N, C-alpha and C. Protein backbone atom coordinates (compact mmCIF):
# COMPACT_ATOMS: atom_id res chain seq x y z
N MET A 1 -20.39 32.10 -63.16
CA MET A 1 -20.18 33.09 -62.14
C MET A 1 -21.24 34.17 -62.33
N LEU A 2 -21.80 34.63 -61.24
CA LEU A 2 -22.80 35.69 -61.27
C LEU A 2 -22.22 36.95 -60.64
N LEU A 3 -22.49 38.08 -61.28
CA LEU A 3 -21.98 39.37 -60.80
C LEU A 3 -23.14 40.31 -60.52
N ASN A 4 -23.00 41.13 -59.51
CA ASN A 4 -23.98 42.15 -59.17
C ASN A 4 -23.38 43.53 -59.36
N VAL A 5 -24.26 44.54 -59.26
CA VAL A 5 -23.87 45.94 -59.30
C VAL A 5 -22.98 46.21 -60.51
N LEU A 6 -23.53 45.90 -61.64
CA LEU A 6 -22.81 46.13 -62.90
C LEU A 6 -22.99 47.59 -63.29
N THR A 7 -21.89 48.33 -63.31
CA THR A 7 -21.92 49.72 -63.75
C THR A 7 -20.75 49.96 -64.70
N PHE A 8 -20.83 51.02 -65.41
CA PHE A 8 -19.76 51.38 -66.34
C PHE A 8 -18.71 52.22 -65.63
N ALA A 9 -17.46 52.01 -65.95
CA ALA A 9 -16.39 52.87 -65.45
C ALA A 9 -16.41 54.14 -66.31
N ALA A 10 -16.70 55.25 -65.69
CA ALA A 10 -16.81 56.50 -66.43
C ALA A 10 -15.46 56.91 -67.01
N PRO A 11 -15.46 57.35 -68.27
CA PRO A 11 -14.20 57.81 -68.85
C PRO A 11 -13.78 59.14 -68.23
N CYS A 12 -12.49 59.40 -68.23
CA CYS A 12 -11.98 60.66 -67.70
C CYS A 12 -10.96 61.23 -68.70
N GLU A 13 -10.58 62.46 -68.46
CA GLU A 13 -9.64 63.13 -69.37
C GLU A 13 -8.30 62.41 -69.42
N GLU A 14 -7.79 61.98 -68.26
CA GLU A 14 -6.48 61.33 -68.21
C GLU A 14 -6.48 60.02 -69.01
N PHE A 15 -7.53 59.21 -68.83
CA PHE A 15 -7.60 57.95 -69.56
C PHE A 15 -7.79 58.20 -71.06
N SER A 16 -8.53 59.25 -71.40
CA SER A 16 -8.72 59.60 -72.82
C SER A 16 -7.38 59.92 -73.48
N HIS A 17 -6.51 60.65 -72.77
CA HIS A 17 -5.19 60.95 -73.32
C HIS A 17 -4.37 59.66 -73.49
N PHE A 18 -4.48 58.75 -72.51
CA PHE A 18 -3.77 57.47 -72.60
C PHE A 18 -4.23 56.69 -73.83
N VAL A 19 -5.54 56.59 -74.02
CA VAL A 19 -6.08 55.84 -75.15
C VAL A 19 -5.65 56.46 -76.47
N ALA A 20 -5.62 57.78 -76.51
CA ALA A 20 -5.25 58.49 -77.75
C ALA A 20 -3.73 58.57 -77.92
N ARG A 21 -2.99 57.96 -76.99
CA ARG A 21 -1.52 57.99 -77.01
C ARG A 21 -1.00 59.42 -77.07
N SER A 22 -1.61 60.24 -76.25
CA SER A 22 -1.30 61.66 -76.23
C SER A 22 -1.02 62.12 -74.80
N GLN A 23 -0.32 61.30 -74.01
CA GLN A 23 -0.09 61.65 -72.61
C GLN A 23 0.80 62.87 -72.45
N HIS A 24 1.62 63.18 -73.44
CA HIS A 24 2.59 64.26 -73.31
C HIS A 24 2.07 65.61 -73.79
N GLU A 25 0.91 65.61 -74.40
CA GLU A 25 0.29 66.87 -74.82
C GLU A 25 -1.21 66.74 -74.74
N LYS A 26 -1.88 67.85 -74.49
CA LYS A 26 -3.33 67.82 -74.35
C LYS A 26 -3.99 67.64 -75.72
N LEU A 27 -5.09 66.88 -75.72
CA LEU A 27 -5.88 66.74 -76.93
C LEU A 27 -6.65 68.02 -77.18
N PRO A 28 -6.85 68.38 -78.43
CA PRO A 28 -7.75 69.50 -78.71
C PRO A 28 -9.15 69.19 -78.16
N ALA A 29 -9.89 70.20 -77.78
CA ALA A 29 -11.19 70.02 -77.12
C ALA A 29 -12.13 69.11 -77.92
N THR A 30 -12.19 69.28 -79.23
CA THR A 30 -13.11 68.47 -80.03
C THR A 30 -12.68 67.00 -80.04
N GLU A 31 -11.38 66.74 -80.08
CA GLU A 31 -10.88 65.37 -80.07
C GLU A 31 -11.07 64.73 -78.69
N LEU A 32 -10.86 65.51 -77.63
CA LEU A 32 -11.08 65.02 -76.28
C LEU A 32 -12.55 64.65 -76.10
N LYS A 33 -13.46 65.51 -76.55
CA LYS A 33 -14.89 65.24 -76.44
C LYS A 33 -15.25 63.96 -77.19
N ALA A 34 -14.75 63.81 -78.40
CA ALA A 34 -15.03 62.61 -79.20
C ALA A 34 -14.49 61.35 -78.52
N THR A 35 -13.31 61.45 -77.92
CA THR A 35 -12.71 60.30 -77.23
C THR A 35 -13.51 59.94 -75.99
N LEU A 36 -13.93 60.93 -75.21
CA LEU A 36 -14.76 60.68 -74.03
C LEU A 36 -16.08 60.01 -74.41
N GLN A 37 -16.68 60.48 -75.50
CA GLN A 37 -17.94 59.89 -75.95
C GLN A 37 -17.73 58.46 -76.42
N PHE A 38 -16.63 58.19 -77.11
CA PHE A 38 -16.32 56.85 -77.57
C PHE A 38 -16.14 55.89 -76.39
N LEU A 39 -15.50 56.35 -75.32
CA LEU A 39 -15.22 55.51 -74.17
C LEU A 39 -16.41 55.34 -73.24
N ASN A 40 -17.50 56.04 -73.49
CA ASN A 40 -18.67 55.98 -72.61
C ASN A 40 -19.38 54.63 -72.74
N ASN A 41 -20.25 54.32 -71.82
CA ASN A 41 -21.09 53.12 -71.81
C ASN A 41 -20.30 51.83 -71.86
N GLY A 42 -19.21 51.76 -71.10
CA GLY A 42 -18.52 50.50 -70.92
C GLY A 42 -17.29 50.25 -71.75
N ARG A 43 -17.00 51.10 -72.71
CA ARG A 43 -15.79 50.86 -73.50
C ARG A 43 -14.53 51.03 -72.65
N ARG A 44 -14.61 51.82 -71.61
CA ARG A 44 -13.45 51.95 -70.72
C ARG A 44 -13.37 50.73 -69.81
N GLY A 45 -14.49 50.23 -69.37
CA GLY A 45 -14.51 49.08 -68.49
C GLY A 45 -15.76 49.04 -67.65
N PHE A 46 -15.82 48.04 -66.80
CA PHE A 46 -16.97 47.84 -65.95
C PHE A 46 -16.53 47.70 -64.50
N LEU A 47 -17.44 47.97 -63.59
CA LEU A 47 -17.22 47.75 -62.17
C LEU A 47 -18.16 46.62 -61.77
N LEU A 48 -17.59 45.51 -61.34
CA LEU A 48 -18.36 44.30 -61.07
C LEU A 48 -18.15 43.83 -59.64
N VAL A 49 -19.19 43.24 -59.05
CA VAL A 49 -19.12 42.67 -57.72
C VAL A 49 -19.70 41.27 -57.80
N LEU A 50 -19.00 40.29 -57.20
CA LEU A 50 -19.52 38.92 -57.18
C LEU A 50 -20.80 38.85 -56.37
N SER A 51 -21.76 38.05 -56.84
CA SER A 51 -22.99 37.81 -56.08
C SER A 51 -22.64 37.04 -54.81
N ASP A 52 -23.51 37.11 -53.84
CA ASP A 52 -23.32 36.36 -52.59
C ASP A 52 -23.14 34.88 -52.89
N GLY A 53 -22.19 34.25 -52.22
CA GLY A 53 -21.98 32.82 -52.36
C GLY A 53 -21.11 32.42 -53.54
N GLN A 54 -20.67 33.37 -54.35
CA GLN A 54 -19.83 33.06 -55.50
C GLN A 54 -18.37 32.96 -55.07
N GLU A 55 -17.64 32.03 -55.65
CA GLU A 55 -16.21 31.91 -55.37
C GLU A 55 -15.47 33.00 -56.13
N MET A 56 -14.29 33.35 -55.63
CA MET A 56 -13.47 34.36 -56.30
C MET A 56 -13.19 33.94 -57.73
N ALA A 57 -13.14 34.90 -58.61
CA ALA A 57 -12.90 34.62 -60.02
C ALA A 57 -12.18 35.81 -60.62
N THR A 58 -11.62 35.62 -61.79
CA THR A 58 -10.94 36.69 -62.51
C THR A 58 -11.66 36.95 -63.82
N VAL A 59 -11.98 38.20 -64.07
CA VAL A 59 -12.52 38.63 -65.36
C VAL A 59 -11.42 39.45 -65.99
N GLN A 60 -11.04 39.10 -67.21
CA GLN A 60 -9.93 39.80 -67.86
C GLN A 60 -10.30 40.20 -69.27
N ALA A 61 -9.47 41.00 -69.86
CA ALA A 61 -9.71 41.47 -71.23
C ALA A 61 -9.94 40.27 -72.14
N GLY A 62 -10.96 40.38 -72.97
CA GLY A 62 -11.29 39.31 -73.90
C GLY A 62 -12.39 38.38 -73.41
N ASP A 63 -12.67 38.38 -72.09
CA ASP A 63 -13.77 37.57 -71.56
C ASP A 63 -15.09 38.17 -71.99
N ARG A 64 -16.06 37.32 -72.19
CA ARG A 64 -17.41 37.79 -72.52
C ARG A 64 -18.21 37.93 -71.23
N VAL A 65 -18.89 39.07 -71.10
CA VAL A 65 -19.73 39.35 -69.95
C VAL A 65 -21.11 39.68 -70.46
N PHE A 66 -22.12 39.03 -69.90
CA PHE A 66 -23.49 39.24 -70.33
C PHE A 66 -24.29 39.83 -69.19
N VAL A 67 -25.22 40.72 -69.52
CA VAL A 67 -26.10 41.32 -68.54
C VAL A 67 -27.44 40.60 -68.63
N VAL A 68 -27.90 40.10 -67.49
CA VAL A 68 -29.19 39.43 -67.42
C VAL A 68 -30.11 40.32 -66.60
N GLU A 69 -31.17 40.80 -67.23
CA GLU A 69 -32.14 41.63 -66.52
C GLU A 69 -33.02 40.73 -65.68
N GLN A 70 -33.23 41.10 -64.41
CA GLN A 70 -34.09 40.30 -63.54
C GLN A 70 -35.27 41.09 -63.10
């Protein structure tokens, strides 16, 4: 399967609290910053679009995804 428009899902404050299991209280600023930085560059997830002509497919946690520079 080929995918286009591969971008990273940007981390946000709400997701950072979820990851840190701290939904009921705010993270201290330094911990929030560290969590946001950890989640950057794809650790939160990716936004993918199938290339033209590709059949529908499912990408799920644990699947390997490779970026091919063209």
